[in-house]
PDB file of N, CA and C in Angstrom:
ATOM      1  N   MET A   1      80.111 -33.618  25.291  1.00  0.00           N
ATOM      2  CA  MET A   1      80.222 -32.407  24.513  1.00  0.00           C
ATOM      3  C   MET A   1      78.871 -31.687  24.545  1.00  0.00           C
ATOM      4  N   THR A   2      78.909 -30.399  24.635  1.00  0.00           N
ATOM      5  CA  THR A   2      77.704 -29.591  24.675  1.00  0.00           C
ATOM      6  C   THR A   2      77.507 -28.885  23.345  1.00  0.00           C
ATOM      7  N   ASP A   3      76.297 -28.989  22.808  1.00  0.00           N
ATOM      8  CA  ASP A   3      75.963 -28.249  21.593  1.00  0.00           C
ATOM      9  C   ASP A   3      75.511 -26.860  22.007  1.00  0.00           C
ATOM     10  N   HIS A   4      76.027 -25.856  21.345  1.00  0.00           N
ATOM     11  CA  HIS A   4      75.667 -24.481  21.645  1.00  0.00           C
ATOM     12  C   HIS A   4      74.834 -23.920  20.508  1.00  0.00           C
ATOM     13  N   ALA A   5      73.938 -23.046  20.840  1.00  0.00           N
ATOM     14  CA  ALA A   5      73.123 -22.374  19.836  1.00  0.00           C
ATOM     15  C   ALA A   5      73.385 -20.881  19.932  1.00  0.00           C
ATOM     16  N   ALA A   6      73.510 -20.253  18.809  1.00  0.00           N
ATOM     17  CA  ALA A   6      73.698 -18.807  18.772  1.00  0.00           C
ATOM     18  C   ALA A   6      72.352 -18.150  18.524  1.00  0.00           C
ATOM     19  N   VAL A   7      72.042 -17.148  19.321  1.00  0.00           N
ATOM     20  CA  VAL A   7      70.796 -16.409  19.171  1.00  0.00           C
ATOM     21  C   VAL A   7      71.154 -14.938  19.047  1.00  0.00           C
ATOM     22  N   ASN A   8      70.645 -14.320  18.008  1.00  0.00           N
ATOM     23  CA  ASN A   8      70.853 -12.901  17.793  1.00  0.00           C
ATOM     24  C   ASN A   8      69.705 -12.145  18.447  1.00  0.00           C
ATOM     25  N   LEU A   9      69.979 -10.992  19.031  1.00  0.00           N
ATOM     26  CA  LEU A   9      68.923 -10.216  19.680  1.00  0.00           C
ATOM     27  C   LEU A   9      67.827  -9.782  18.708  1.00  0.00           C
ATOM     28  N   ASN A  10      68.122  -9.781  17.415  1.00  0.00           N
ATOM     29  CA  ASN A  10      67.112  -9.422  16.422  1.00  0.00           C
ATOM     30  C   ASN A  10      66.340 -10.620  15.891  1.00  0.00           C
ATOM     31  N   ASP A  11      66.682 -11.834  16.338  1.00  0.00           N
ATOM     32  CA  ASP A  11      65.935 -13.020  15.935  1.00  0.00           C
ATOM     33  C   ASP A  11      64.518 -12.953  16.490  1.00  0.00           C
ATOM     34  N   HIS A  12      63.581 -13.499  15.738  1.00  0.00           N
ATOM     35  CA  HIS A  12      62.221 -13.571  16.242  1.00  0.00           C
ATOM     36  C   HIS A  12      62.107 -14.702  17.245  1.00  0.00           C
ATOM     37  N   ALA A  13      61.372 -14.435  18.292  1.00  0.00           N
ATOM     38  CA  ALA A  13      61.070 -15.427  19.315  1.00  0.00           C
ATOM     39  C   ALA A  13      59.556 -15.530  19.410  1.00  0.00           C
ATOM     40  N   TYR A  14      59.085 -16.687  19.830  1.00  0.00           N
ATOM     41  CA  TYR A  14      57.660 -16.975  19.842  1.00  0.00           C
ATOM     42  C   TYR A  14      57.261 -17.449  21.229  1.00  0.00           C
ATOM     43  N   VAL A  15      56.198 -16.855  21.757  1.00  0.00           N
ATOM     44  CA  VAL A  15      55.722 -17.202  23.097  1.00  0.00           C
ATOM     45  C   VAL A  15      54.201 -17.261  23.105  1.00  0.00           C
ATOM     46  N   ARG A  16      53.688 -17.958  24.087  1.00  0.00           N
ATOM     47  CA  ARG A  16      52.269 -17.923  24.409  1.00  0.00           C
ATOM     48  C   ARG A  16      52.186 -17.226  25.758  1.00  0.00           C
ATOM     49  N   LEU A  17      51.401 -16.167  25.833  1.00  0.00           N
ATOM     50  CA  LEU A  17      51.324 -15.398  27.070  1.00  0.00           C
ATOM     51  C   LEU A  17      50.376 -16.036  28.074  1.00  0.00           C
ATOM     52  N   THR A  18      50.775 -16.002  29.322  1.00  0.00           N
ATOM     53  CA  THR A  18      49.886 -16.364  30.415  1.00  0.00           C
ATOM     54  C   THR A  18      48.982 -15.159  30.674  1.00  0.00           C
ATOM     55  N   PRO A  19      47.946 -15.298  31.497  1.00  0.00           N
ATOM     56  CA  PRO A  19      47.151 -14.118  31.858  1.00  0.00           C
ATOM     57  C   PRO A  19      48.012 -13.012  32.478  1.00  0.00           C
ATOM     58  N   ALA A  20      48.990 -13.388  33.290  1.00  0.00           N
ATOM     59  CA  ALA A  20      49.896 -12.388  33.873  1.00  0.00           C
ATOM     60  C   ALA A  20      50.718 -11.712  32.784  1.00  0.00           C
ATOM     61  N   GLY A  21      51.151 -12.461  31.777  1.00  0.00           N
ATOM     62  CA  GLY A  21      51.905 -11.896  30.671  1.00  0.00           C
ATOM     63  C   GLY A  21      51.055 -10.960  29.837  1.00  0.00           C
ATOM     64  N   GLN A  22      49.803 -11.329  29.611  1.00  0.00           N
ATOM     65  CA  GLN A  22      48.906 -10.461  28.856  1.00  0.00           C
ATOM     66  C   GLN A  22      48.687  -9.150  29.602  1.00  0.00           C
ATOM     67  N   GLN A  23      48.528  -9.227  30.922  1.00  0.00           N
ATOM     68  CA  GLN A  23      48.346  -8.013  31.716  1.00  0.00           C
ATOM     69  C   GLN A  23      49.607  -7.148  31.679  1.00  0.00           C
ATOM     70  N   GLN A  24      50.755  -7.787  31.760  1.00  0.00           N
ATOM     71  CA  GLN A  24      52.003  -7.034  31.702  1.00  0.00           C
ATOM     72  C   GLN A  24      52.153  -6.333  30.358  1.00  0.00           C
ATOM     73  N   LEU A  25      51.779  -7.005  29.272  1.00  0.00           N
ATOM     74  CA  LEU A  25      51.844  -6.395  27.948  1.00  0.00           C
ATOM     75  C   LEU A  25      50.906  -5.189  27.873  1.00  0.00           C
ATOM     76  N   GLU A  26      49.707  -5.327  28.373  1.00  0.00           N
ATOM     77  CA  GLU A  26      48.753  -4.221  28.343  1.00  0.00           C
ATOM     78  C   GLU A  26      49.254  -3.043  29.182  1.00  0.00           C
ATOM     79  N   ASP A  27      49.815  -3.334  30.355  1.00  0.00           N
ATOM     80  CA  ASP A  27      50.354  -2.269  31.208  1.00  0.00           C
ATOM     81  C   ASP A  27      51.529  -1.568  30.537  1.00  0.00           C
ATOM     82  N   TRP A  28      52.426  -2.348  29.925  1.00  0.00           N
ATOM     83  CA  TRP A  28      53.588  -1.775  29.242  1.00  0.00           C
ATOM     84  C   TRP A  28      53.125  -0.865  28.105  1.00  0.00           C
ATOM     85  N   HIS A  29      52.136  -1.349  27.347  1.00  0.00           N
ATOM     86  CA  HIS A  29      51.638  -0.565  26.226  1.00  0.00           C
ATOM     87  C   HIS A  29      50.978   0.723  26.701  1.00  0.00           C
ATOM     88  N   ALA A  30      50.210   0.677  27.782  1.00  0.00           N
ATOM     89  CA  ALA A  30      49.580   1.889  28.325  1.00  0.00           C
ATOM     90  C   ALA A  30      50.640   2.896  28.754  1.00  0.00           C
ATOM     91  N   ASP A  31      51.695   2.413  29.407  1.00  0.00           N
ATOM     92  CA  ASP A  31      52.790   3.306  29.814  1.00  0.00           C
ATOM     93  C   ASP A  31      53.482   3.916  28.599  1.00  0.00           C
ATOM     94  N   LEU A  32      53.694   3.110  27.567  1.00  0.00           N
ATOM     95  CA  LEU A  32      54.329   3.609  26.348  1.00  0.00           C
ATOM     96  C   LEU A  32      53.475   4.697  25.705  1.00  0.00           C
ATOM     97  N   ARG A  33      52.195   4.438  25.543  1.00  0.00           N
ATOM     98  CA  ARG A  33      51.304   5.425  24.922  1.00  0.00           C
ATOM     99  C   ARG A  33      51.271   6.715  25.728  1.00  0.00           C
ATOM    100  N   ALA A  34      51.291   6.605  27.056  1.00  0.00           N
ATOM    101  CA  ALA A  34      51.261   7.804  27.900  1.00  0.00           C
ATOM    102  C   ALA A  34      52.548   8.614  27.773  1.00  0.00           C
ATOM    103  N   SER A  35      53.633   7.976  27.358  1.00  0.00           N
ATOM    104  CA  SER A  35      54.928   8.653  27.313  1.00  0.00           C
ATOM    105  C   SER A  35      55.216   9.348  25.981  1.00  0.00           C
ATOM    106  N   ILE A  36      54.361   9.153  24.994  1.00  0.00           N
ATOM    107  CA  ILE A  36      54.617   9.745  23.683  1.00  0.00           C
ATOM    108  C   ILE A  36      53.618  10.862  23.391  1.00  0.00           C
ATOM    109  N   ALA A  37      53.910  11.645  22.379  1.00  0.00           N
ATOM    110  CA  ALA A  37      53.048  12.765  21.999  1.00  0.00           C
ATOM    111  C   ALA A  37      51.655  12.267  21.623  1.00  0.00           C
ATOM    112  N   PRO A  38      50.618  12.979  22.047  1.00  0.00           N
ATOM    113  CA  PRO A  38      49.249  12.554  21.734  1.00  0.00           C
ATOM    114  C   PRO A  38      49.005  12.305  20.238  1.00  0.00           C
ATOM    115  N   ALA A  39      49.628  13.092  19.378  1.00  0.00           N
ATOM    116  CA  ALA A  39      49.430  12.910  17.938  1.00  0.00           C
ATOM    117  C   ALA A  39      49.989  11.577  17.436  1.00  0.00           C
ATOM    118  N   ALA A  40      50.955  11.015  18.137  1.00  0.00           N
ATOM    119  CA  ALA A  40      51.569   9.751  17.716  1.00  0.00           C
ATOM    120  C   ALA A  40      50.855   8.532  18.282  1.00  0.00           C
ATOM    121  N   ARG A  41      50.037   8.706  19.294  1.00  0.00           N
ATOM    122  CA  ARG A  41      49.415   7.562  19.979  1.00  0.00           C
ATOM    123  C   ARG A  41      48.591   6.643  19.082  1.00  0.00           C
ATOM    124  N   PRO A  42      47.856   7.161  18.103  1.00  0.00           N
ATOM    125  CA  PRO A  42      47.085   6.235  17.248  1.00  0.00           C
ATOM    126  C   PRO A  42      47.955   5.260  16.454  1.00  0.00           C
ATOM    127  N   PHE A  43      49.228   5.583  16.300  1.00  0.00           N
ATOM    128  CA  PHE A  43      50.120   4.744  15.502  1.00  0.00           C
ATOM    129  C   PHE A  43      50.838   3.676  16.328  1.00  0.00           C
ATOM    130  N   VAL A  44      50.631   3.684  17.633  1.00  0.00           N
ATOM    131  CA  VAL A  44      51.270   2.714  18.523  1.00  0.00           C
ATOM    132  C   VAL A  44      50.219   1.686  18.908  1.00  0.00           C
ATOM    133  N   THR A  45      50.392   0.478  18.420  1.00  0.00           N
ATOM    134  CA  THR A  45      49.410  -0.571  18.683  1.00  0.00           C
ATOM    135  C   THR A  45      50.034  -1.699  19.489  1.00  0.00           C
ATOM    136  N   VAL A  46      49.203  -2.415  20.210  1.00  0.00           N
ATOM    137  CA  VAL A  46      49.657  -3.558  20.995  1.00  0.00           C
ATOM    138  C   VAL A  46      49.842  -4.743  20.058  1.00  0.00           C
ATOM    139  N   PRO A  47      50.977  -5.430  20.120  1.00  0.00           N
ATOM    140  CA  PRO A  47      51.141  -6.639  19.313  1.00  0.00           C
ATOM    141  C   PRO A  47      50.092  -7.679  19.717  1.00  0.00           C
ATOM    142  N   GLU A  48      49.558  -8.357  18.748  1.00  0.00           N
ATOM    143  CA  GLU A  48      48.530  -9.365  18.992  1.00  0.00           C
ATOM    144  C   GLU A  48      49.051 -10.751  18.627  1.00  0.00           C
ATOM    145  N   PRO A  49      48.671 -11.760  19.397  1.00  0.00           N
ATOM    146  CA  PRO A  49      49.025 -13.136  19.018  1.00  0.00           C
ATOM    147  C   PRO A  49      48.343 -13.525  17.708  1.00  0.00           C
ATOM    148  N   ASP A  50      48.921 -14.499  17.015  1.00  0.00           N
ATOM    149  CA  ASP A  50      48.313 -14.986  15.784  1.00  0.00           C
ATOM    150  C   ASP A  50      47.136 -15.905  16.112  1.00  0.00           C
ATOM    151  N   ALA A  51      46.564 -16.511  15.095  1.00  0.00           N
ATOM    152  CA  ALA A  51      45.392 -17.375  15.280  1.00  0.00           C
ATOM    153  C   ALA A  51      45.676 -18.556  16.197  1.00  0.00           C
ATOM    154  N   ASP A  52      46.934 -18.948  16.322  1.00  0.00           N
ATOM    155  CA  ASP A  52      47.313 -20.058  17.203  1.00  0.00           C
ATOM    156  C   ASP A  52      47.627 -19.591  18.616  1.00  0.00           C
ATOM    157  N   GLY A  53      47.483 -18.288  18.880  1.00  0.00           N
ATOM    158  CA  GLY A  53      47.773 -17.765  20.213  1.00  0.00           C
ATOM    159  C   GLY A  53      49.251 -17.518  20.461  1.00  0.00           C
ATOM    160  N   VAL A  54      50.038 -17.470  19.386  1.00  0.00           N
ATOM    161  CA  VAL A  54      51.483 -17.294  19.501  1.00  0.00           C
ATOM    162  C   VAL A  54      51.848 -15.841  19.196  1.00  0.00           C
ATOM    163  N   LEU A  55      52.546 -15.215  20.117  1.00  0.00           N
ATOM    164  CA  LEU A  55      53.047 -13.853  19.929  1.00  0.00           C
ATOM    165  C   LEU A  55      54.454 -13.947  19.354  1.00  0.00           C
ATOM    166  N   ALA A  56      54.691 -13.292  18.233  1.00  0.00           N
ATOM    167  CA  ALA A  56      55.996 -13.303  17.570  1.00  0.00           C
ATOM    168  C   ALA A  56      56.583 -11.905  17.620  1.00  0.00           C
ATOM    169  N   GLU A  57      57.731 -11.780  18.247  1.00  0.00           N
ATOM    170  CA  GLU A  57      58.434 -10.506  18.324  1.00  0.00           C
ATOM    171  C   GLU A  57      59.922 -10.780  18.359  1.00  0.00           C
ATOM    172  N   THR A  58      60.722  -9.724  18.236  1.00  0.00           N
ATOM    173  CA  THR A  58      62.157  -9.927  18.334  1.00  0.00           C
ATOM    174  C   THR A  58      62.528 -10.270  19.771  1.00  0.00           C
ATOM    175  N   TRP A  59      63.609 -10.996  19.894  1.00  0.00           N
ATOM    176  CA  TRP A  59      64.104 -11.422  21.203  1.00  0.00           C
ATOM    177  C   TRP A  59      64.337 -10.221  22.112  1.00  0.00           C
ATOM    178  N   HIS A  60      64.940  -9.148  21.574  1.00  0.00           N
ATOM    179  CA  HIS A  60      65.236  -7.987  22.427  1.00  0.00           C
ATOM    180  C   HIS A  60      63.956  -7.286  22.861  1.00  0.00           C
ATOM    181  N   TRP A  61      62.925  -7.263  22.030  1.00  0.00           N
ATOM    182  CA  TRP A  61      61.658  -6.640  22.416  1.00  0.00           C
ATOM    183  C   TRP A  61      60.995  -7.436  23.534  1.00  0.00           C
ATOM    184  N   LEU A  62      60.986  -8.762  23.400  1.00  0.00           N
ATOM    185  CA  LEU A  62      60.395  -9.592  24.458  1.00  0.00           C
ATOM    186  C   LEU A  62      61.090  -9.358  25.796  1.00  0.00           C
ATOM    187  N   MET A  63      62.405  -9.249  25.770  1.00  0.00           N
ATOM    188  CA  MET A  63      63.125  -9.039  27.027  1.00  0.00           C
ATOM    189  C   MET A  63      62.913  -7.623  27.565  1.00  0.00           C
ATOM    190  N   GLN A  64      62.753  -6.648  26.661  1.00  0.00           N
ATOM    191  CA  GLN A  64      62.468  -5.289  27.113  1.00  0.00           C
ATOM    192  C   GLN A  64      61.137  -5.249  27.857  1.00  0.00           C
ATOM    193  N   VAL A  65      60.128  -5.899  27.298  1.00  0.00           N
ATOM    194  CA  VAL A  65      58.787  -5.853  27.875  1.00  0.00           C
ATOM    195  C   VAL A  65      58.635  -6.816  29.051  1.00  0.00           C
ATOM    196  N   PHE A  66      59.108  -8.042  28.899  1.00  0.00           N
ATOM    197  CA  PHE A  66      58.825  -9.083  29.883  1.00  0.00           C
ATOM    198  C   PHE A  66      59.998  -9.447  30.781  1.00  0.00           C
ATOM    199  N   GLY A  67      61.195  -8.952  30.462  1.00  0.00           N
ATOM    200  CA  GLY A  67      62.370  -9.292  31.257  1.00  0.00           C
ATOM    201  C   GLY A  67      62.209  -9.046  32.742  1.00  0.00           C
ATOM    202  N   PRO A  68      61.665  -7.888  33.156  1.00  0.00           N
ATOM    203  CA  PRO A  68      61.517  -7.643  34.594  1.00  0.00           C
ATOM    204  C   PRO A  68      60.627  -8.660  35.307  1.00  0.00           C
ATOM    205  N   ALA A  69      59.714  -9.315  34.566  1.00  0.00           N
ATOM    206  CA  ALA A  69      58.828 -10.304  35.184  1.00  0.00           C
ATOM    207  C   ALA A  69      59.458 -11.689  35.249  1.00  0.00           C
ATOM    208  N   CYS A  70      60.615 -11.858  34.655  1.00  0.00           N
ATOM    209  CA  CYS A  70      61.255 -13.171  34.624  1.00  0.00           C
ATOM    210  C   CYS A  70      62.167 -13.346  35.840  1.00  0.00           C
ATOM    211  N   LEU A  71      61.615 -13.119  36.989  1.00  0.00           N
ATOM    212  CA  LEU A  71      62.344 -13.258  38.249  1.00  0.00           C
ATOM    213  C   LEU A  71      61.698 -14.341  39.092  1.00  0.00           C
ATOM    214  N   ASN A  72      62.468 -14.957  39.962  1.00  0.00           N
ATOM    215  CA  ASN A  72      61.927 -15.981  40.855  1.00  0.00           C
ATOM    216  C   ASN A  72      60.784 -15.411  41.683  1.00  0.00           C
ATOM    217  N   GLY A  73      59.724 -16.182  41.802  1.00  0.00           N
ATOM    218  CA  GLY A  73      58.617 -15.793  42.655  1.00  0.00           C
ATOM    219  C   GLY A  73      57.563 -14.944  41.988  1.00  0.00           C
ATOM    220  N   GLN A  74      57.767 -14.544  40.736  1.00  0.00           N
ATOM    221  CA  GLN A  74      56.754 -13.750  40.047  1.00  0.00           C
ATOM    222  C   GLN A  74      55.946 -14.645  39.122  1.00  0.00           C
ATOM    223  N   ASP A  75      54.761 -14.165  38.757  1.00  0.00           N
ATOM    224  CA  ASP A  75      53.956 -14.878  37.762  1.00  0.00           C
ATOM    225  C   ASP A  75      54.660 -14.777  36.427  1.00  0.00           C
ATOM    226  N   PHE A  76      55.141 -15.904  35.926  1.00  0.00           N
ATOM    227  CA  PHE A  76      55.925 -15.908  34.694  1.00  0.00           C
ATOM    228  C   PHE A  76      55.025 -15.546  33.523  1.00  0.00           C
ATOM    229  N   PRO A  77      55.478 -14.710  32.599  1.00  0.00           N
ATOM    230  CA  PRO A  77      54.621 -14.221  31.522  1.00  0.00           C
ATOM    231  C   PRO A  77      54.381 -15.204  30.377  1.00  0.00           C
ATOM    232  N   PHE A  78      55.165 -16.288  30.282  1.00  0.00           N
ATOM    233  CA  PHE A  78      55.052 -17.201  29.156  1.00  0.00           C
ATOM    234  C   PHE A  78      54.566 -18.565  29.613  1.00  0.00           C
ATOM    235  N   GLU A  79      53.634 -19.154  28.852  1.00  0.00           N
ATOM    236  CA  GLU A  79      53.128 -20.479  29.183  1.00  0.00           C
ATOM    237  C   GLU A  79      54.275 -21.474  29.276  1.00  0.00           C
ATOM    238  N   GLY A  80      54.286 -22.214  30.347  1.00  0.00           N
ATOM    239  CA  GLY A  80      55.320 -23.220  30.551  1.00  0.00           C
ATOM    240  C   GLY A  80      56.714 -22.647  30.715  1.00  0.00           C
ATOM    241  N   GLY A  81      56.824 -21.325  30.815  1.00  0.00           N
ATOM    242  CA  GLY A  81      58.133 -20.695  30.922  1.00  0.00           C
ATOM    243  C   GLY A  81      58.963 -20.856  29.662  1.00  0.00           C
ATOM    244  N   GLN A  82      58.302 -21.088  28.533  1.00  0.00           N
ATOM    245  CA  GLN A  82      59.004 -21.416  27.295  1.00  0.00           C
ATOM    246  C   GLN A  82      59.053 -20.240  26.330  1.00  0.00           C
ATOM    247  N   ILE A  83      60.209 -20.072  25.717  1.00  0.00           N
ATOM    248  CA  ILE A  83      60.418 -19.126  24.623  1.00  0.00           C
ATOM    249  C   ILE A  83      60.989 -19.945  23.472  1.00  0.00           C
ATOM    250  N   TYR A  84      60.385 -19.824  22.302  1.00  0.00           N
ATOM    251  CA  TYR A  84      60.799 -20.619  21.155  1.00  0.00           C
ATOM    252  C   TYR A  84      61.393 -19.726  20.078  1.00  0.00           C
ATOM    253  N   PHE A  85      62.228 -20.304  19.266  1.00  0.00           N
ATOM    254  CA  PHE A  85      62.818 -19.576  18.153  1.00  0.00           C
ATOM    255  C   PHE A  85      62.332 -20.111  16.815  1.00  0.00           C
ATOM    256  N   THR A  86      61.362 -21.022  16.855  1.00  0.00           N
ATOM    257  CA  THR A  86      60.655 -21.457  15.656  1.00  0.00           C
ATOM    258  C   THR A  86      59.178 -21.480  15.980  1.00  0.00           C
ATOM    259  N   HIS A  87      58.372 -21.038  15.060  1.00  0.00           N
ATOM    260  CA  HIS A  87      56.937 -20.960  15.293  1.00  0.00           C
ATOM    261  C   HIS A  87      56.326 -22.351  15.473  1.00  0.00           C
ATOM    262  N   ALA A  88      56.796 -23.330  14.734  1.00  0.00           N
ATOM    263  CA  ALA A  88      56.243 -24.679  14.838  1.00  0.00           C
ATOM    264  C   ALA A  88      56.378 -25.218  16.265  1.00  0.00           C
ATOM    265  N   ALA A  89      57.497 -24.959  16.892  1.00  0.00           N
ATOM    266  CA  ALA A  89      57.687 -25.412  18.273  1.00  0.00           C
ATOM    267  C   ALA A  89      56.710 -24.713  19.209  1.00  0.00           C
ATOM    268  N   ALA A  90      56.446 -23.457  18.969  1.00  0.00           N
ATOM    269  CA  ALA A  90      55.503 -22.734  19.809  1.00  0.00           C
ATOM    270  C   ALA A  90      54.106 -23.307  19.654  1.00  0.00           C
ATOM    271  N   ARG A  91      53.730 -23.633  18.432  1.00  0.00           N
ATOM    272  CA  ARG A  91      52.416 -24.240  18.214  1.00  0.00           C
ATOM    273  C   ARG A  91      52.329 -25.591  18.894  1.00  0.00           C
ATOM    274  N   ALA A  92      53.375 -26.386  18.794  1.00  0.00           N
ATOM    275  CA  ALA A  92      53.377 -27.724  19.364  1.00  0.00           C
ATOM    276  C   ALA A  92      53.407 -27.708  20.884  1.00  0.00           C
ATOM    277  N   ALA A  93      53.689 -26.584  21.472  1.00  0.00           N
ATOM    278  CA  ALA A  93      53.811 -26.499  22.931  1.00  0.00           C
ATOM    279  C   ALA A  93      52.475 -26.608  23.640  1.00  0.00           C
ATOM    280  N   ARG A  94      51.381 -26.571  22.902  1.00  0.00           N
ATOM    281  CA  ARG A  94      50.071 -26.605  23.547  1.00  0.00           C
ATOM    282  C   ARG A  94      49.871 -27.873  24.365  1.00  0.00           C
ATOM    283  N   THR A  95      50.292 -28.998  23.854  1.00  0.00           N
ATOM    284  CA  THR A  95      50.176 -30.257  24.578  1.00  0.00           C
ATOM    285  C   THR A  95      51.445 -31.063  24.352  1.00  0.00           C
ATOM    286  N   PRO A  96      51.738 -32.007  25.241  1.00  0.00           N
ATOM    287  CA  PRO A  96      52.974 -32.784  25.085  1.00  0.00           C
ATOM    288  C   PRO A  96      53.078 -33.516  23.756  1.00  0.00           C
ATOM    289  N   ASP A  97      51.941 -33.935  23.169  1.00  0.00           N
ATOM    290  CA  ASP A  97      52.019 -34.666  21.912  1.00  0.00           C
ATOM    291  C   ASP A  97      51.928 -33.771  20.687  1.00  0.00           C
ATOM    292  N   GLY A  98      51.862 -32.440  20.907  1.00  0.00           N
ATOM    293  CA  GLY A  98      51.836 -31.512  19.799  1.00  0.00           C
ATOM    294  C   GLY A  98      50.457 -31.257  19.232  1.00  0.00           C
ATOM    295  N   GLU A  99      49.441 -31.903  19.780  1.00  0.00           N
ATOM    296  CA  GLU A  99      48.081 -31.710  19.304  1.00  0.00           C
ATOM    297  C   GLU A  99      47.453 -30.515  20.009  1.00  0.00           C
ATOM    298  N   GLY A 100      46.519 -29.872  19.346  1.00  0.00           N
ATOM    299  CA  GLY A 100      45.836 -28.714  19.932  1.00  0.00           C
ATOM    300  C   GLY A 100      44.992 -29.097  21.128  1.00  0.00           C
ATOM    301  N   ALA A 101      44.851 -28.162  22.036  1.00  0.00           N
ATOM    302  CA  ALA A 101      44.076 -28.429  23.256  1.00  0.00           C
ATOM    303  C   ALA A 101      42.596 -28.345  22.965  1.00  0.00           C
TER     304      ALA A 101
END
């Protein structure tokens, strides 16, 4: 028997960005800022990881920004190719035993 999990597109997902993922985020943000009215640009900020290096955003936002990079042969944007739906799991992903690197 297979256990299934339901994920809503508005659920928060947690990732650690690779250098390629960080660059993709910066490029996406630059394109976004260039596409909006100059008066609105100061209000558009790049999401920042928390103190543990974990970026928390909605599932649909992560796929909007990083989905195109999730193809075979590209530099994957998330450490270990992992996307978590609980922050504790994202923190524990740093090392196999859950301890900080």
